[in-house]
PDB file of all heavy atoms in Angstrom:
ATOM      1  N   GLY A   1     152.244  50.790 -86.228  1.00  0.00           N
ATOM      2  CA  GLY A   1     153.044  49.800 -85.513  1.00  0.00           C
ATOM      3  C   GLY A   1     153.059  50.035 -84.023  1.00  0.00           C
ATOM      4  O   GLY A   1     152.894  49.100 -83.225  1.00  0.00           O
ATOM      5  N   LEU A   2     153.247  51.301 -83.636  1.00  0.00           N
ATOM      6  CA  LEU A   2     153.256  51.638 -82.221  1.00  0.00           C
ATOM      7  C   LEU A   2     151.886  51.417 -81.598  1.00  0.00           C
ATOM      8  O   LEU A   2     151.762  50.920 -80.472  1.00  0.00           O
ATOM      9  CB  LEU A   2     153.703  53.086 -82.029  1.00  0.00           C
ATOM     10  CG  LEU A   2     153.822  53.579 -80.591  1.00  0.00           C
ATOM     11  CD1 LEU A   2     154.833  52.742 -79.814  1.00  0.00           C
ATOM     12  CD2 LEU A   2     154.213  55.054 -80.550  1.00  0.00           C
ATOM     13  N   THR A   3     150.825  51.766 -82.340  1.00  0.00           N
ATOM     14  CA  THR A   3     149.467  51.544 -81.850  1.00  0.00           C
ATOM     15  C   THR A   3     149.221  50.063 -81.581  1.00  0.00           C
ATOM     16  O   THR A   3     148.682  49.681 -80.540  1.00  0.00           O
ATOM     17  CB  THR A   3     148.443  52.072 -82.860  1.00  0.00           C
ATOM     18  OG1 THR A   3     148.584  53.492 -82.982  1.00  0.00           O
ATOM     19  CG2 THR A   3     147.018  51.749 -82.434  1.00  0.00           C
ATOM     20  N   ALA A   4     149.654  49.209 -82.525  1.00  0.00           N
ATOM     21  CA  ALA A   4     149.430  47.775 -82.375  1.00  0.00           C
ATOM     22  C   ALA A   4     150.193  47.188 -81.191  1.00  0.00           C
ATOM     23  O   ALA A   4     149.742  46.226 -80.569  1.00  0.00           O
ATOM     24  CB  ALA A   4     149.839  47.051 -83.660  1.00  0.00           C
ATOM     25  N   SER A   5     151.356  47.783 -80.855  1.00  0.00           N
ATOM     26  CA  SER A   5     152.162  47.251 -79.756  1.00  0.00           C
ATOM     27  C   SER A   5     151.669  47.721 -78.397  1.00  0.00           C
ATOM     28  O   SER A   5     152.008  47.114 -77.373  1.00  0.00           O
ATOM     29  CB  SER A   5     153.630  47.650 -79.938  1.00  0.00           C
ATOM     30  OG  SER A   5     153.802  49.050 -79.761  1.00  0.00           O
ATOM     31  N   ARG A   6     150.889  48.797 -78.364  1.00  0.00           N
ATOM     32  CA  ARG A   6     150.466  49.381 -77.087  1.00  0.00           C
ATOM     33  C   ARG A   6     148.980  49.236 -76.799  1.00  0.00           C
ATOM     34  O   ARG A   6     148.579  49.200 -75.637  1.00  0.00           O
ATOM     35  CB  ARG A   6     150.848  50.872 -77.056  1.00  0.00           C
ATOM     36  CG  ARG A   6     152.330  51.112 -76.893  1.00  0.00           C
ATOM     37  CD  ARG A   6     152.784  50.649 -75.525  1.00  0.00           C
ATOM     38  NE  ARG A   6     154.233  50.760 -75.360  1.00  0.00           N
ATOM     39  CZ  ARG A   6     154.885  50.407 -74.257  1.00  0.00           C
ATOM     40  NH1 ARG A   6     154.217  49.922 -73.231  1.00  0.00           N
ATOM     41  NH2 ARG A   6     156.185  50.517 -74.180  1.00  0.00           N
ATOM     42  N   PHE A   7     148.144  49.186 -77.822  1.00  0.00           N
ATOM     43  CA  PHE A   7     146.700  49.049 -77.622  1.00  0.00           C
ATOM     44  C   PHE A   7     146.313  47.633 -78.038  1.00  0.00           C
ATOM     45  O   PHE A   7     146.272  47.312 -79.231  1.00  0.00           O
ATOM     46  CB  PHE A   7     145.940  50.092 -78.433  1.00  0.00           C
ATOM     47  CG  PHE A   7     146.150  51.501 -77.938  1.00  0.00           C
ATOM     48  CD1 PHE A   7     147.236  52.254 -78.377  1.00  0.00           C
ATOM     49  CD2 PHE A   7     145.288  52.075 -77.014  1.00  0.00           C
ATOM     50  CE1 PHE A   7     147.452  53.539 -77.918  1.00  0.00           C
ATOM     51  CE2 PHE A   7     145.486  53.368 -76.551  1.00  0.00           C
ATOM     52  CZ  PHE A   7     146.575  54.106 -77.005  1.00  0.00           C
ATOM     53  N   LEU A   8     146.040  46.792 -77.043  1.00  0.00           N
ATOM     54  CA  LEU A   8     145.852  45.360 -77.267  1.00  0.00           C
ATOM     55  C   LEU A   8     144.416  44.939 -76.979  1.00  0.00           C
ATOM     56  O   LEU A   8     143.690  45.620 -76.249  1.00  0.00           O
ATOM     57  CB  LEU A   8     146.796  44.558 -76.365  1.00  0.00           C
ATOM     58  CG  LEU A   8     148.257  45.020 -76.289  1.00  0.00           C
ATOM     59  CD1 LEU A   8     149.008  44.184 -75.267  1.00  0.00           C
ATOM     60  CD2 LEU A   8     148.913  44.924 -77.650  1.00  0.00           C
ATOM     61  N   ALA A   9     144.015  43.799 -77.547  1.00  0.00           N
ATOM     62  CA  ALA A   9     142.712  43.219 -77.202  1.00  0.00           C
ATOM     63  C   ALA A   9     142.721  42.858 -75.721  1.00  0.00           C
ATOM     64  O   ALA A   9     143.675  42.278 -75.217  1.00  0.00           O
ATOM     65  CB  ALA A   9     142.452  41.988 -78.056  1.00  0.00           C
ATOM     66  N   CYS A  10     141.662  43.224 -75.017  1.00  0.00           N
ATOM     67  CA  CYS A  10     141.581  42.965 -73.580  1.00  0.00           C
ATOM     68  C   CYS A  10     140.955  41.596 -73.329  1.00  0.00           C
ATOM     69  O   CYS A  10     139.769  41.382 -73.638  1.00  0.00           O
ATOM     70  CB  CYS A  10     140.749  44.047 -72.894  1.00  0.00           C
ATOM     71  SG  CYS A  10     140.613  43.815 -71.109  1.00  0.00           S
ATOM     72  N   PRO A  11     141.720  40.649 -72.790  1.00  0.00           N
ATOM     73  CA  PRO A  11     141.172  39.303 -72.560  1.00  0.00           C
ATOM     74  C   PRO A  11     140.214  39.233 -71.378  1.00  0.00           C
ATOM     75  O   PRO A  11     139.623  38.185 -71.129  1.00  0.00           O
ATOM     76  CB  PRO A  11     142.427  38.463 -72.293  1.00  0.00           C
ATOM     77  CG  PRO A  11     143.422  39.426 -71.736  1.00  0.00           C
ATOM     78  CD  PRO A  11     143.135  40.741 -72.384  1.00  0.00           C
ATOM     79  N   PHE A  12     140.051  40.341 -70.666  1.00  0.00           N
ATOM     80  CA  PHE A  12     139.228  40.323 -69.453  1.00  0.00           C
ATOM     81  C   PHE A  12     137.925  41.097 -69.624  1.00  0.00           C
ATOM     82  O   PHE A  12     137.127  41.179 -68.694  1.00  0.00           O
ATOM     83  CB  PHE A  12     140.012  40.916 -68.278  1.00  0.00           C
ATOM     84  CG  PHE A  12     141.399  40.364 -68.143  1.00  0.00           C
ATOM     85  CD1 PHE A  12     142.497  41.109 -68.543  1.00  0.00           C
ATOM     86  CD2 PHE A  12     141.608  39.094 -67.631  1.00  0.00           C
ATOM     87  CE1 PHE A  12     143.787  40.608 -68.421  1.00  0.00           C
ATOM     88  CE2 PHE A  12     142.884  38.578 -67.506  1.00  0.00           C
ATOM     89  CZ  PHE A  12     143.979  39.336 -67.905  1.00  0.00           C
ATOM     90  N   GLY A  13     137.712  41.686 -70.819  1.00  0.00           N
ATOM     91  CA  GLY A  13     136.533  42.518 -71.023  1.00  0.00           C
ATOM     92  C   GLY A  13     135.582  41.941 -72.055  1.00  0.00           C
ATOM     93  O   GLY A  13     135.693  40.781 -72.466  1.00  0.00           O
ATOM     94  N   ALA A  14     134.688  42.776 -72.513  1.00  0.00           N
ATOM     95  CA  ALA A  14     133.709  42.381 -73.531  1.00  0.00           C
ATOM     96  C   ALA A  14     134.398  42.244 -74.881  1.00  0.00           C
ATOM     97  O   ALA A  14     135.479  42.800 -75.093  1.00  0.00           O
ATOM     98  CB  ALA A  14     132.596  43.432 -73.590  1.00  0.00           C
ATOM     99  N   PRO A  15     133.799  41.505 -75.811  1.00  0.00           N
ATOM    100  CA  PRO A  15     134.378  41.369 -77.148  1.00  0.00           C
ATOM    101  C   PRO A  15     134.629  42.734 -77.781  1.00  0.00           C
ATOM    102  O   PRO A  15     133.768  43.622 -77.756  1.00  0.00           O
ATOM    103  CB  PRO A  15     133.309  40.579 -77.917  1.00  0.00           C
ATOM    104  CG  PRO A  15     132.596  39.798 -76.851  1.00  0.00           C
ATOM    105  CD  PRO A  15     132.581  40.697 -75.650  1.00  0.00           C
ATOM    106  N   GLY A  16     135.834  42.904 -78.351  1.00  0.00           N
ATOM    107  CA  GLY A  16     136.183  44.163 -78.988  1.00  0.00           C
ATOM    108  C   GLY A  16     136.805  45.189 -78.062  1.00  0.00           C
ATOM    109  O   GLY A  16     137.320  46.212 -78.524  1.00  0.00           O
ATOM    110  N   GLU A  17     136.775  44.945 -76.761  1.00  0.00           N
ATOM    111  CA  GLU A  17     137.363  45.910 -75.829  1.00  0.00           C
ATOM    112  C   GLU A  17     138.880  45.823 -75.875  1.00  0.00           C
ATOM    113  O   GLU A  17     139.460  44.742 -76.018  1.00  0.00           O
ATOM    114  CB  GLU A  17     136.866  45.653 -74.409  1.00  0.00           C
ATOM    115  CG  GLU A  17     137.327  46.727 -73.414  1.00  0.00           C
ATOM    116  CD  GLU A  17     136.694  46.566 -72.041  1.00  0.00           C
ATOM    117  OE1 GLU A  17     135.880  45.642 -71.866  1.00  0.00           O
ATOM    118  OE2 GLU A  17     137.015  47.382 -71.153  1.00  0.00           O
ATOM    119  N   ARG A  18     139.526  46.974 -75.741  1.00  0.00           N
ATOM    120  CA  ARG A  18     140.977  47.015 -75.785  1.00  0.00           C
ATOM    121  C   ARG A  18     141.533  47.524 -74.460  1.00  0.00           C
ATOM    122  O   ARG A  18     140.831  48.120 -73.651  1.00  0.00           O
ATOM    123  CB  ARG A  18     141.452  47.924 -76.923  1.00  0.00           C
ATOM    124  CG  ARG A  18     141.056  47.432 -78.297  1.00  0.00           C
ATOM    125  CD  ARG A  18     141.627  48.335 -79.373  1.00  0.00           C
ATOM    126  NE  ARG A  18     141.294  49.725 -79.106  1.00  0.00           N
ATOM    127  CZ  ARG A  18     142.040  50.764 -79.511  1.00  0.00           C
ATOM    128  NH1 ARG A  18     143.154  50.544 -80.162  1.00  0.00           N
ATOM    129  NH2 ARG A  18     141.677  51.982 -79.248  1.00  0.00           N
ATOM    130  N   MET A  19     142.805  47.255 -74.274  1.00  0.00           N
ATOM    131  CA  MET A  19     143.499  47.775 -73.093  1.00  0.00           C
ATOM    132  C   MET A  19     144.811  48.398 -73.538  1.00  0.00           C
ATOM    133  O   MET A  19     145.379  48.027 -74.574  1.00  0.00           O
ATOM    134  CB  MET A  19     143.740  46.671 -72.063  1.00  0.00           C
ATOM    135  CG  MET A  19     144.595  45.522 -72.537  1.00  0.00           C
ATOM    136  SD  MET A  19     144.737  44.231 -71.259  1.00  0.00           S
ATOM    137  CE  MET A  19     145.862  43.087 -72.062  1.00  0.00           C
ATOM    138  N   TYR A  20     145.284  49.351 -72.743  1.00  0.00           N
ATOM    139  CA  TYR A  20     146.521  50.067 -73.056  1.00  0.00           C
ATOM    140  C   TYR A  20     147.656  49.547 -72.198  1.00  0.00           C
ATOM    141  O   TYR A  20     147.531  49.465 -70.969  1.00  0.00           O
ATOM    142  CB  TYR A  20     146.342  51.571 -72.815  1.00  0.00           C
ATOM    143  CG  TYR A  20     147.634  52.341 -72.887  1.00  0.00           C
ATOM    144  CD1 TYR A  20     148.347  52.424 -74.075  1.00  0.00           C
ATOM    145  CD2 TYR A  20     148.144  52.975 -71.755  1.00  0.00           C
ATOM    146  CE1 TYR A  20     149.545  53.109 -74.146  1.00  0.00           C
ATOM    147  CE2 TYR A  20     149.339  53.666 -71.814  1.00  0.00           C
ATOM    148  CZ  TYR A  20     150.042  53.742 -73.014  1.00  0.00           C
ATOM    149  OH  TYR A  20     151.232  54.420 -73.077  1.00  0.00           O
ATOM    150  N   ARG A  21     148.751  49.180 -72.832  1.00  0.00           N
ATOM    151  CA  ARG A  21     149.951  48.700 -72.131  1.00  0.00           C
ATOM    152  C   ARG A  21     150.796  49.910 -71.753  1.00  0.00           C
ATOM    153  O   ARG A  21     151.347  50.599 -72.605  1.00  0.00           O
ATOM    154  CB  ARG A  21     150.747  47.766 -73.040  1.00  0.00           C
ATOM    155  CG  ARG A  21     152.010  47.218 -72.413  1.00  0.00           C
ATOM    156  CD  ARG A  21     152.754  46.324 -73.392  1.00  0.00           C
ATOM    157  NE  ARG A  21     153.905  45.717 -72.746  1.00  0.00           N
ATOM    158  CZ  ARG A  21     154.740  44.888 -73.372  1.00  0.00           C
ATOM    159  NH1 ARG A  21     154.554  44.601 -74.656  1.00  0.00           N
ATOM    160  NH2 ARG A  21     155.765  44.372 -72.714  1.00  0.00           N
ATOM    161  N   THR A  22     150.905  50.185 -70.454  1.00  0.00           N
ATOM    162  CA  THR A  22     151.526  51.442 -70.002  1.00  0.00           C
ATOM    163  C   THR A  22     153.048  51.408 -70.013  1.00  0.00           C
ATOM    164  O   THR A  22     153.683  52.452 -70.138  1.00  0.00           O
ATOM    165  CB  THR A  22     151.076  51.778 -68.569  1.00  0.00           C
ATOM    166  OG1 THR A  22     151.610  50.808 -67.662  1.00  0.00           O
ATOM    167  CG2 THR A  22     149.562  51.820 -68.462  1.00  0.00           C
ATOM    168  N   GLY A  23     153.649  50.211 -69.831  1.00  0.00           N
ATOM    169  CA  GLY A  23     155.096  50.160 -69.657  1.00  0.00           C
ATOM    170  C   GLY A  23     155.532  50.506 -68.248  1.00  0.00           C
ATOM    171  O   GLY A  23     156.735  50.575 -67.964  1.00  0.00           O
ATOM    172  N   ASP A  24     154.569  50.720 -67.342  1.00  0.00           N
ATOM    173  CA  ASP A  24     154.870  51.047 -65.953  1.00  0.00           C
ATOM    174  C   ASP A  24     154.813  49.791 -65.090  1.00  0.00           C
ATOM    175  O   ASP A  24     153.920  48.958 -65.251  1.00  0.00           O
ATOM    176  CB  ASP A  24     153.885  52.080 -65.403  1.00  0.00           C
ATOM    177  CG  ASP A  24     154.083  53.450 -66.030  1.00  0.00           C
ATOM    178  OD1 ASP A  24     155.245  53.793 -66.328  1.00  0.00           O
ATOM    179  OD2 ASP A  24     153.088  54.172 -66.227  1.00  0.00           O
ATOM    180  N   LEU A  25     155.753  49.672 -64.169  1.00  0.00           N
ATOM    181  CA  LEU A  25     155.800  48.529 -63.254  1.00  0.00           C
ATOM    182  C   LEU A  25     155.148  48.924 -61.931  1.00  0.00           C
ATOM    183  O   LEU A  25     155.481  49.957 -61.340  1.00  0.00           O
ATOM    184  CB  LEU A  25     157.254  48.103 -63.015  1.00  0.00           C
ATOM    185  CG  LEU A  25     157.987  47.605 -64.264  1.00  0.00           C
ATOM    186  CD1 LEU A  25     159.446  47.342 -63.939  1.00  0.00           C
ATOM    187  CD2 LEU A  25     157.332  46.360 -64.821  1.00  0.00           C
ATOM    188  N   VAL A  26     154.225  48.092 -61.473  1.00  0.00           N
ATOM    189  CA  VAL A  26     153.477  48.382 -60.247  1.00  0.00           C
ATOM    190  C   VAL A  26     153.280  47.077 -59.479  1.00  0.00           C
ATOM    191  O   VAL A  26     153.613  45.990 -59.967  1.00  0.00           O
ATOM    192  CB  VAL A  26     152.093  49.004 -60.565  1.00  0.00           C
ATOM    193  CG1 VAL A  26     152.241  50.333 -61.274  1.00  0.00           C
ATOM    194  CG2 VAL A  26     151.255  48.034 -61.408  1.00  0.00           C
ATOM    195  N   ARG A  27     152.720  47.187 -58.296  1.00  0.00           N
ATOM    196  CA  ARG A  27     152.282  46.000 -57.556  1.00  0.00           C
ATOM    197  C   ARG A  27     151.108  46.401 -56.674  1.00  0.00           C
ATOM    198  O   ARG A  27     151.045  47.530 -56.152  1.00  0.00           O
ATOM    199  CB  ARG A  27     153.422  45.430 -56.709  1.00  0.00           C
ATOM    200  CG  ARG A  27     153.912  46.328 -55.605  1.00  0.00           C
ATOM    201  CD  ARG A  27     155.073  45.711 -54.861  1.00  0.00           C
ATOM    202  NE  ARG A  27     155.728  46.704 -54.010  1.00  0.00           N
ATOM    203  CZ  ARG A  27     157.016  46.660 -53.672  1.00  0.00           C
ATOM    204  NH1 ARG A  27     157.788  45.689 -54.091  1.00  0.00           N
ATOM    205  NH2 ARG A  27     157.533  47.601 -52.901  1.00  0.00           N
ATOM    206  N   TRP A  28     150.162  45.477 -56.539  1.00  0.00           N
ATOM    207  CA  TRP A  28     149.016  45.707 -55.671  1.00  0.00           C
ATOM    208  C   TRP A  28     149.458  45.643 -54.214  1.00  0.00           C
ATOM    209  O   TRP A  28     150.241  44.778 -53.836  1.00  0.00           O
ATOM    210  CB  TRP A  28     147.929  44.664 -55.896  1.00  0.00           C
ATOM    211  CG  TRP A  28     147.200  44.788 -57.196  1.00  0.00           C
ATOM    212  CD1 TRP A  28     147.257  43.940 -58.260  1.00  0.00           C
ATOM    213  CD2 TRP A  28     146.272  45.821 -57.563  1.00  0.00           C
ATOM    214  NE1 TRP A  28     146.429  44.376 -59.268  1.00  0.00           N
ATOM    215  CE2 TRP A  28     145.816  45.521 -58.869  1.00  0.00           C
ATOM    216  CE3 TRP A  28     145.797  46.964 -56.915  1.00  0.00           C
ATOM    217  CZ2 TRP A  28     144.895  46.326 -59.543  1.00  0.00           C
ATOM    218  CZ3 TRP A  28     144.879  47.760 -57.578  1.00  0.00           C
ATOM    219  CH2 TRP A  28     144.438  47.443 -58.882  1.00  0.00           C
ATOM    220  N   ARG A  29     148.933  46.536 -53.404  1.00  0.00           N
ATOM    221  CA  ARG A  29     149.140  46.488 -51.956  1.00  0.00           C
ATOM    222  C   ARG A  29     147.952  45.803 -51.312  1.00  0.00           C
ATOM    223  O   ARG A  29     146.910  45.628 -51.925  1.00  0.00           O
ATOM    224  CB  ARG A  29     149.300  47.915 -51.400  1.00  0.00           C
ATOM    225  CG  ARG A  29     150.469  48.623 -51.998  1.00  0.00           C
ATOM    226  CD  ARG A  29     150.719  50.040 -51.547  1.00  0.00           C
ATOM    227  NE  ARG A  29     149.865  50.604 -50.530  1.00  0.00           N
ATOM    228  CZ  ARG A  29     150.213  51.656 -49.773  1.00  0.00           C
ATOM    229  NH1 ARG A  29     151.394  52.211 -49.938  1.00  0.00           N
ATOM    230  NH2 ARG A  29     149.401  52.154 -48.901  1.00  0.00           N
ATOM    231  N   SER A  30     148.126  45.424 -50.069  1.00  0.00           N
ATOM    232  CA  SER A  30     147.039  44.724 -49.371  1.00  0.00           C
ATOM    233  C   SER A  30     145.814  45.616 -49.176  1.00  0.00           C
ATOM    234  O   SER A  30     144.702  45.116 -48.973  1.00  0.00           O
ATOM    235  CB  SER A  30     147.541  44.218 -48.013  1.00  0.00           C
ATOM    236  OG  SER A  30     148.035  45.289 -47.228  1.00  0.00           O
ATOM    237  N   ASP A  31     146.001  46.948 -49.230  1.00  0.00           N
ATOM    238  CA  ASP A  31     144.861  47.855 -49.049  1.00  0.00           C
ATOM    239  C   ASP A  31     144.168  48.206 -50.363  1.00  0.00           C
ATOM    240  O   ASP A  31     143.305  49.089 -50.402  1.00  0.00           O
ATOM    241  CB  ASP A  31     145.309  49.135 -48.335  1.00  0.00           C
ATOM    242  CG  ASP A  31     146.336  49.940 -49.124  1.00  0.00           C
ATOM    243  OD1 ASP A  31     146.711  49.506 -50.247  1.00  0.00           O
ATOM    244  OD2 ASP A  31     146.768  51.006 -48.640  1.00  0.00           O
ATOM    245  N   GLY A  32     144.541  47.513 -51.465  1.00  0.00           N
ATOM    246  CA  GLY A  32     143.881  47.743 -52.741  1.00  0.00           C
ATOM    247  C   GLY A  32     144.443  48.882 -53.552  1.00  0.00           C
ATOM    248  O   GLY A  32     143.918  49.208 -54.627  1.00  0.00           O
ATOM    249  N   GLN A  33     145.514  49.507 -53.071  1.00  0.00           N
ATOM    250  CA  GLN A  33     146.168  50.564 -53.819  1.00  0.00           C
ATOM    251  C   GLN A  33     147.389  50.000 -54.550  1.00  0.00           C
ATOM    252  O   GLN A  33     147.852  48.898 -54.269  1.00  0.00           O
ATOM    253  CB  GLN A  33     146.596  51.712 -52.898  1.00  0.00           C
ATOM    254  CG  GLN A  33     145.441  52.394 -52.178  1.00  0.00           C
ATOM    255  CD  GLN A  33     145.897  53.664 -51.497  1.00  0.00           C
ATOM    256  OE1 GLN A  33     145.835  54.745 -52.058  1.00  0.00           O
ATOM    257  NE2 GLN A  33     146.354  53.525 -50.261  1.00  0.00           N
ATOM    258  N   LEU A  34     147.901  50.787 -55.485  1.00  0.00           N
ATOM    259  CA  LEU A  34     149.046  50.366 -56.291  1.00  0.00           C
ATOM    260  C   LEU A  34     150.294  51.147 -55.911  1.00  0.00           C
ATOM    261  O   LEU A  34     150.243  52.369 -55.736  1.00  0.00           O
ATOM    262  CB  LEU A  34     148.762  50.587 -57.783  1.00  0.00           C
ATOM    263  CG  LEU A  34     147.795  49.615 -58.464  1.00  0.00           C
ATOM    264  CD1 LEU A  34     147.394  50.163 -59.828  1.00  0.00           C
ATOM    265  CD2 LEU A  34     148.432  48.250 -58.613  1.00  0.00           C
ATOM    266  N   ASP A  35     151.412  50.433 -55.780  1.00  0.00           N
ATOM    267  CA  ASP A  35     152.722  51.062 -55.666  1.00  0.00           C
ATOM    268  C   ASP A  35     153.320  51.188 -57.056  1.00  0.00           C
ATOM    269  O   ASP A  35     153.288  50.234 -57.852  1.00  0.00           O
ATOM    270  CB  ASP A  35     153.673  50.211 -54.809  1.00  0.00           C
ATOM    271  CG  ASP A  35     153.406  50.362 -53.327  1.00  0.00           C
ATOM    272  OD1 ASP A  35     153.030  51.472 -52.905  1.00  0.00           O
ATOM    273  OD2 ASP A  35     153.587  49.378 -52.589  1.00  0.00           O
ATOM    274  N   TYR A  36     153.851  52.368 -57.363  1.00  0.00           N
ATOM    275  CA  TYR A  36     154.530  52.589 -58.649  1.00  0.00           C
ATOM    276  C   TYR A  36     156.017  52.342 -58.455  1.00  0.00           C
ATOM    277  O   TYR A  36     156.641  52.902 -57.561  1.00  0.00           O
ATOM    278  CB  TYR A  36     154.293  54.026 -59.133  1.00  0.00           C
ATOM    279  CG  TYR A  36     155.056  54.370 -60.393  1.00  0.00           C
ATOM    280  CD1 TYR A  36     154.544  54.041 -61.646  1.00  0.00           C
ATOM    281  CD2 TYR A  36     156.286  55.022 -60.336  1.00  0.00           C
ATOM    282  CE1 TYR A  36     155.230  54.356 -62.804  1.00  0.00           C
ATOM    283  CE2 TYR A  36     156.984  55.328 -61.486  1.00  0.00           C
ATOM    284  CZ  TYR A  36     156.452  54.998 -62.713  1.00  0.00           C
ATOM    285  OH  TYR A  36     157.145  55.301 -63.864  1.00  0.00           O
TER     286      TYR A  36
END
């Protein structure tokens, strides 16, 4: 159950690729880095 809620199909990658939902809130900066 936990695996299914955190490891999801990635809509931006190749078929079958998955992505991990971190639960972390971030935002992109203008210099291409992330603020946590």
